[in-house]
Each structure stands twice: as structure tokens, then as C-alpha cells.
Amino acid sequence: MPHDFDSLLRLHPRGDAAFENEPLVSGHLYGGYTLALAVRAAARTVSPGLLPHSVHAVFPTGGELGAPLRMDVSAVRDGRSSALRQVTVAQGGSTPLLLTASFHAGGPGPDWQAPQPPMPAGPEGIPPDVVQLMGMDPFEIRPAGRYRVDGGAPTFAPMHPYWVRPHLPVPDDAGLYAAIVAFVSDYMVFAAAQVPGSPPPADTRGVSMDHALWFHRPVDAGGWLLYSAEATRVHGNRGLVRGTVRTEDGAVVASFAQEALTFAPRA
């Protein structure tokens, strides 16, 4: 049954600047889920009119989806047009995520973007694919490349670019919109952090080491968005991915980068 993002990312106050989520499924903790919760928690503590413009996160430990996560938010700076928050996500004695989030009111100025790759086929003519997220199913994905999960894609097939839209309506909430973009920006990124054309063995494991996300303008995450990502450098067992989030008209609304660690399974 599809999940709606507002319920999946629901936060319960636990003090002036602390929140706890409401676990809906169990399994291994998906980094994008933790990232999205932290972004939404940070957004709850800033003045109206301030929108997130950058997020930087590291993932010190793993975690479990079935146990509550606690988000403690610290106000590093509060100004008239900007704010900075630090979020510590804790679960028991572990720390699945540490995050800093910057907010800004925006202002007048140019609106320019560098030339982008041609837009792929739109989502309307592409059938939906299977979402693999440890029991979570909050969005519809339509791959615009050569690989599909329901078509037997190899384990580390590069799934980008793909179109994404929430299954269910999303409330008009800038903090939730940003959290949704953060949630999806971590999806299938590990497969992109490999040498193109030279995938590792199927039993290879991987973890996200850090994740950065920049919001260039307000975004409506309730409609179709195109996520594209590709490796820019692989050395040893670390790979760096850079990506963009574009609307159907080709406007870049967000950019992201992630470094992933690849390793052989332990005996």
C-alpha cells in the first residue's frame, strides 16, 4: 500500500527543539529517510519565509526503521534573512546522522543555469517501475534510461535519470517539499558511484559517507521531478556522485553530491 510523505515524515515535538518520528515500517534504515526527517525538523524551527538553501550530512552509524529516531535541533545562527541549524539524529546509543541546514529568505537577482544535458522522454509515456525501499513506497518512479528494476536490471545498474512523483497529494509546505527532495536524492545513488561500465560484484556492500544538497529555488515536490546523477571520481573504494533535480520544463531546482564507500562483505 502506498505511503503518503506527510505521514511517513511526521514529527512529534519532544521539547522546544526536539522531535521524534513515527515508525511505520521495519528494516534497515534508509539514509534518505533519515536525511528527510532531519531537514523537516530543522525547517520547523526557523522563521516563516526562510527556505532551505543547503544541507550537508554525514552518516556516522547505521540504524533500524522500526525504532523511533530523535532529532535534536540546535540554533547556530538566526538573522533577519538567514538561519543555520544543526541536527543530531539519535537512535538508542547510535547516531545515524549529523546534519547542518542553512536557510535564506531569497531576494532579487539573476536567474541563470549552465547548459544541461537534453531532457529525456517525459514521464507520461513511461510505465512505472518497482520502488525498492525496505517496505516504504511513497513515490512513483519512471526510469528514463535503459535499466528498470522490473526488467531485471543488474544489481549495480545505473538507474538515473528517473522521474519521480509522490503517490498521494502533498500539503503545501516548503519544509516538507525540501524533505521530499532530500528523501529521493539518496535513492539509487550508490549504484551511480561506480566506474561506468565496470560494476562491482553483485555481493558488494556500500554505505553513504556524506551527502550534500543545494536548493536553488522554491520547488513543488508534489509534481514530476527528474533526478539525474553520475560518478565524477572513483578512487579505491570511494566514489563521488554529482546530480541535479529538474522540473519538466528543464529548470534545475536542486543539486546534490554524495560520496559512497564500497566494500566486500565480511566473512
Protein backbone atom coordinates (compact mmCIF):
# COMPACT_ATOMS: atom_id res chain seq x y z
CA MET A 1 0.00 0.00 0.00
CA PRO A 2 1.48 3.41 -0.93
CA HIS A 3 2.63 5.68 1.89
CA ASP A 4 1.99 9.40 1.87
CA PHE A 5 5.00 11.59 2.60
CA ASP A 6 3.26 13.69 5.25
CA SER A 7 2.63 10.59 7.38
CA LEU A 8 5.95 8.92 6.57
CA LEU A 9 7.87 12.05 7.63
CA ARG A 10 5.60 13.03 10.54
CA LEU A 11 7.34 14.55 13.55
CA HIS A 12 6.17 14.72 17.15
CA PRO A 13 7.55 17.54 19.35
CA ARG A 14 9.66 16.38 22.28
CA GLY A 15 10.60 19.75 23.75
CA ASP A 16 11.37 23.19 22.37
CA ALA A 17 13.72 21.97 19.62
CA ALA A 18 13.49 18.19 19.62
CA PHE A 19 11.31 15.85 17.59
CA GLU A 20 10.62 12.15 17.25
CA ASN A 21 9.34 10.30 14.20
CA GLU A 22 6.56 7.74 14.00
CA PRO A 23 7.97 4.46 12.63
CA LEU A 24 5.62 2.93 10.06
CA VAL A 25 7.76 0.10 8.69
CA SER A 26 10.70 -2.01 9.86
CA GLY A 27 14.01 -2.93 8.28
CA HIS A 28 17.41 -1.36 7.64
CA LEU A 29 17.44 2.43 7.97
CA TYR A 30 17.43 4.15 4.57
CA GLY A 31 19.73 7.19 4.64
CA GLY A 32 17.37 9.34 2.58
CA TYR A 33 14.62 8.78 5.15
CA THR A 34 16.84 9.96 7.99
CA LEU A 35 18.00 12.90 5.90
CA ALA A 36 14.43 13.92 5.11
CA LEU A 37 13.36 13.77 8.76
CA ALA A 38 16.30 15.95 9.79
CA VAL A 39 15.56 18.50 7.07
CA ARG A 40 11.91 18.73 8.11
CA ALA A 41 12.88 19.04 11.78
CA ALA A 42 15.29 21.89 11.03
CA ALA A 43 12.65 23.68 8.94
CA ARG A 44 10.20 23.53 11.86
CA THR A 45 12.50 25.74 13.97
CA VAL A 46 13.13 28.72 11.65
CA SER A 47 11.09 31.86 11.00
CA PRO A 48 8.37 31.80 8.31
CA GLY A 49 9.70 32.91 4.95
CA LEU A 50 13.11 31.29 5.40
CA LEU A 51 13.63 28.44 2.94
CA PRO A 52 16.37 25.79 2.99
CA HIS A 53 19.16 26.51 0.53
CA SER A 54 21.81 23.96 1.55
CA VAL A 55 22.05 20.75 3.54
CA HIS A 56 25.21 18.85 4.50
CA ALA A 57 25.05 15.50 6.26
CA VAL A 58 27.28 12.65 7.41
CA PHE A 59 26.16 9.17 8.44
CA PRO A 60 28.27 8.03 11.43
CA THR A 61 26.34 4.81 12.16
CA GLY A 62 23.52 2.65 10.83
CA GLY A 63 20.09 2.23 12.32
CA GLU A 64 16.72 0.48 12.12
CA LEU A 65 13.47 1.68 10.56
CA GLY A 66 11.27 0.08 13.22
CA ALA A 67 12.61 2.09 16.20
CA PRO A 68 11.93 5.81 16.80
CA LEU A 69 14.52 8.38 15.82
CA ARG A 70 15.10 11.52 17.88
CA MET A 71 16.00 14.78 16.13
CA ASP A 72 17.67 17.39 18.37
CA VAL A 73 17.93 20.78 16.63
CA SER A 74 20.44 23.45 17.68
CA ALA A 75 20.16 27.06 16.52
CA VAL A 76 23.65 28.05 15.35
CA ARG A 77 22.56 31.38 13.87
CA ASP A 78 19.38 33.43 13.49
CA GLY A 79 19.44 36.55 11.31
CA ARG A 80 16.83 38.67 9.56
CA SER A 81 17.29 36.92 6.22
CA SER A 82 19.12 33.70 7.10
CA ALA A 83 19.42 30.95 9.70
CA LEU A 84 21.65 27.96 10.38
CA ARG A 85 20.62 24.80 12.18
CA GLN A 86 22.49 21.72 13.36
CA VAL A 87 20.56 18.48 13.75
CA THR A 88 21.68 15.37 15.61
CA VAL A 89 19.66 12.24 14.84
CA ALA A 90 19.92 9.62 17.57
CA GLN A 91 18.57 6.09 17.98
CA GLY A 92 19.43 4.37 21.23
CA GLY A 93 23.18 4.79 21.65
CA SER A 94 23.89 5.35 17.95
CA THR A 95 23.96 8.48 15.77
CA PRO A 96 22.66 7.64 12.28
CA LEU A 97 23.01 11.22 11.01
CA LEU A 98 24.56 14.62 11.75
CA LEU A 99 23.27 17.50 9.63
CA THR A 100 23.70 21.21 9.11
CA ALA A 101 20.96 23.08 7.25
CA SER A 102 21.13 26.66 6.03
CA PHE A 103 18.05 28.79 5.34
CA HIS A 104 17.66 32.05 3.43
CA ALA A 105 14.86 34.43 2.54
CA GLY A 106 15.99 34.86 -1.07
CA GLY A 107 15.84 38.13 -2.97
CA PRO A 108 16.01 39.81 -6.38
CA GLY A 109 18.76 38.89 -8.81
CA PRO A 110 19.53 36.96 -12.00
CA ASP A 111 18.04 33.56 -12.78
CA TRP A 112 20.62 31.58 -14.82
CA GLN A 113 21.75 27.98 -15.14
CA ALA A 114 24.54 26.31 -17.08
CA PRO A 115 23.58 24.33 -20.20
CA GLN A 116 22.17 20.94 -19.21
CA PRO A 117 22.02 17.58 -21.00
CA PRO A 118 18.95 17.19 -23.21
CA MET A 119 15.80 16.26 -21.35
CA PRO A 120 14.84 12.59 -21.74
CA ALA A 121 11.38 11.36 -22.61
CA GLY A 122 8.71 12.75 -20.32
CA PRO A 123 7.08 10.65 -17.61
CA GLU A 124 3.70 10.29 -19.35
CA GLY A 125 4.92 7.71 -21.85
CA ILE A 126 6.98 5.65 -19.40
CA PRO A 127 5.33 2.92 -17.28
CA PRO A 128 6.03 2.99 -13.52
CA ASP A 129 8.78 0.77 -12.14
CA VAL A 130 9.21 -1.04 -8.84
CA VAL A 131 10.36 1.03 -5.83
CA GLN A 132 12.93 -0.73 -3.62
CA LEU A 133 12.94 0.99 -0.23
CA MET A 134 12.73 -1.52 2.63
CA GLY A 135 8.93 -1.59 2.71
CA MET A 136 8.42 2.12 2.02
CA ASP A 137 6.50 3.08 -1.11
CA PRO A 138 5.86 6.85 -1.05
CA PHE A 139 6.56 7.71 -4.70
CA GLU A 140 6.10 6.55 -8.26
CA ILE A 141 9.32 6.14 -10.23
CA ARG A 142 9.59 6.09 -14.02
CA PRO A 143 13.13 5.37 -15.27
CA ALA A 144 14.10 7.40 -18.34
CA GLY A 145 17.28 5.39 -19.04
CA ARG A 146 17.93 1.86 -20.30
CA TYR A 147 17.50 -0.01 -16.98
CA ARG A 148 14.41 -0.96 -14.99
CA VAL A 149 14.05 -2.96 -11.78
CA ASP A 150 11.02 -4.81 -13.11
CA GLY A 151 13.03 -5.53 -16.27
CA GLY A 152 15.73 -7.42 -14.37
CA ALA A 153 18.27 -4.61 -14.04
CA PRO A 154 21.66 -5.80 -12.69
CA THR A 155 22.41 -5.09 -9.03
CA PHE A 156 24.53 -2.01 -9.71
CA ALA A 157 22.85 -0.81 -12.89
CA PRO A 158 22.91 2.98 -13.27
CA MET A 159 19.20 3.79 -12.81
CA HIS A 160 19.48 7.54 -13.40
CA PRO A 161 17.86 9.55 -14.84
CA TYR A 162 14.40 8.83 -13.50
CA TRP A 163 11.16 10.70 -12.96
CA VAL A 164 9.58 10.80 -9.51
CA ARG A 165 6.18 11.91 -8.24
CA PRO A 166 4.52 11.21 -4.85
CA HIS A 167 1.74 8.63 -4.97
CA LEU A 168 -0.55 10.77 -2.84
CA PRO A 169 -1.20 14.54 -2.60
CA VAL A 170 1.37 16.56 -0.63
CA PRO A 171 0.38 19.51 1.61
CA ASP A 172 1.63 22.94 0.56
CA ASP A 173 4.56 23.04 2.98
CA ALA A 174 8.00 24.30 1.90
CA GLY A 175 9.73 22.31 4.64
CA LEU A 176 8.01 19.11 3.55
CA TYR A 177 8.81 19.81 -0.11
CA ALA A 178 12.50 20.14 0.76
CA ALA A 179 12.35 16.96 2.85
CA ILE A 180 10.85 15.03 -0.08
CA VAL A 181 13.60 16.20 -2.43
CA ALA A 182 16.17 15.15 0.20
CA PHE A 183 14.46 11.76 0.61
CA VAL A 184 14.60 10.95 -3.12
CA SER A 185 18.08 12.42 -3.70
CA ASP A 186 19.60 9.43 -1.88
CA TYR A 187 17.72 6.83 -3.96
CA MET A 188 19.87 4.59 -6.20
CA VAL A 189 22.88 6.89 -5.74
CA PHE A 190 25.19 4.09 -4.60
CA ALA A 191 24.87 2.40 -7.99
CA ALA A 192 25.96 5.66 -9.64
CA ALA A 193 29.11 5.86 -7.50
CA GLN A 194 30.88 3.16 -9.52
CA VAL A 195 33.21 3.17 -12.53
CA PRO A 196 30.88 3.42 -15.56
CA GLY A 197 30.71 0.13 -17.40
CA SER A 198 32.61 -1.73 -14.64
CA PRO A 199 30.11 -2.67 -11.93
CA PRO A 200 31.44 -4.39 -8.79
CA PRO A 201 30.46 -7.97 -7.88
CA ALA A 202 26.78 -8.46 -7.02
CA ASP A 203 27.53 -9.22 -3.35
CA THR A 204 29.36 -5.91 -2.84
CA ARG A 205 28.11 -3.76 0.04
CA GLY A 206 28.07 0.00 0.30
CA VAL A 207 27.23 2.89 2.60
CA SER A 208 26.81 6.62 2.15
CA MET A 209 29.63 8.58 3.75
CA ASP A 210 28.26 12.08 3.28
CA HIS A 211 25.54 13.85 1.34
CA ALA A 212 25.14 17.48 0.26
CA LEU A 213 22.07 19.11 -1.25
CA TRP A 214 21.52 22.64 -2.55
CA PHE A 215 18.11 24.18 -3.25
CA HIS A 216 18.35 26.82 -5.96
CA ARG A 217 14.75 27.99 -5.89
CA PRO A 218 11.44 27.02 -4.27
CA VAL A 219 10.24 23.67 -5.56
CA ASP A 220 6.86 21.94 -5.66
CA ALA A 221 7.76 18.35 -4.82
CA GLY A 222 4.19 17.21 -5.42
CA GLY A 223 4.69 17.08 -9.20
CA TRP A 224 7.07 15.27 -11.53
CA LEU A 225 10.79 15.88 -10.95
CA LEU A 226 13.71 14.41 -12.89
CA TYR A 227 16.67 13.12 -10.84
CA SER A 228 19.95 12.65 -12.70
CA ALA A 229 23.28 11.53 -11.21
CA GLU A 230 26.64 10.29 -12.43
CA ALA A 231 30.04 9.47 -10.98
CA THR A 232 32.67 12.20 -11.21
CA ARG A 233 35.58 10.41 -9.45
CA VAL A 234 36.21 6.89 -8.20
CA HIS A 235 39.38 6.07 -6.33
CA GLY A 236 39.99 2.94 -4.31
CA ASN A 237 36.74 2.11 -2.53
CA ARG A 238 35.20 5.61 -2.61
CA GLY A 239 33.09 7.12 -5.35
CA LEU A 240 31.77 10.67 -5.70
CA VAL A 241 28.45 11.33 -7.40
CA ARG A 242 27.02 14.66 -8.55
CA GLY A 243 23.43 15.13 -9.60
CA THR A 244 20.64 17.53 -10.42
CA VAL A 245 16.90 17.76 -9.85
CA ARG A 246 14.97 19.28 -12.77
CA THR A 247 11.35 20.14 -13.46
CA GLU A 248 9.53 19.04 -16.61
CA ASP A 249 10.48 22.30 -18.31
CA GLY A 250 14.19 21.66 -17.64
CA ALA A 251 14.74 24.12 -14.79
CA VAL A 252 17.35 22.96 -12.25
CA VAL A 253 15.69 23.38 -8.85
CA ALA A 254 18.27 21.48 -6.77
CA SER A 255 21.73 19.89 -6.99
CA PHE A 256 23.24 17.15 -4.85
CA ALA A 257 26.50 15.31 -4.26
CA GLN A 258 27.27 12.14 -2.36
CA GLU A 259 30.36 10.11 -1.55
CA ALA A 260 29.78 6.37 -1.18
CA LEU A 261 32.00 3.67 0.27
CA THR A 262 32.11 0.30 -1.50
CA PHE A 263 33.41 -2.82 0.23
CA ALA A 264 33.33 -6.60 0.02
CA PRO A 265 31.09 -8.41 2.54
CA ARG A 266 32.76 -9.60 5.71
CA ALA A 267 33.29 -13.32 6.19
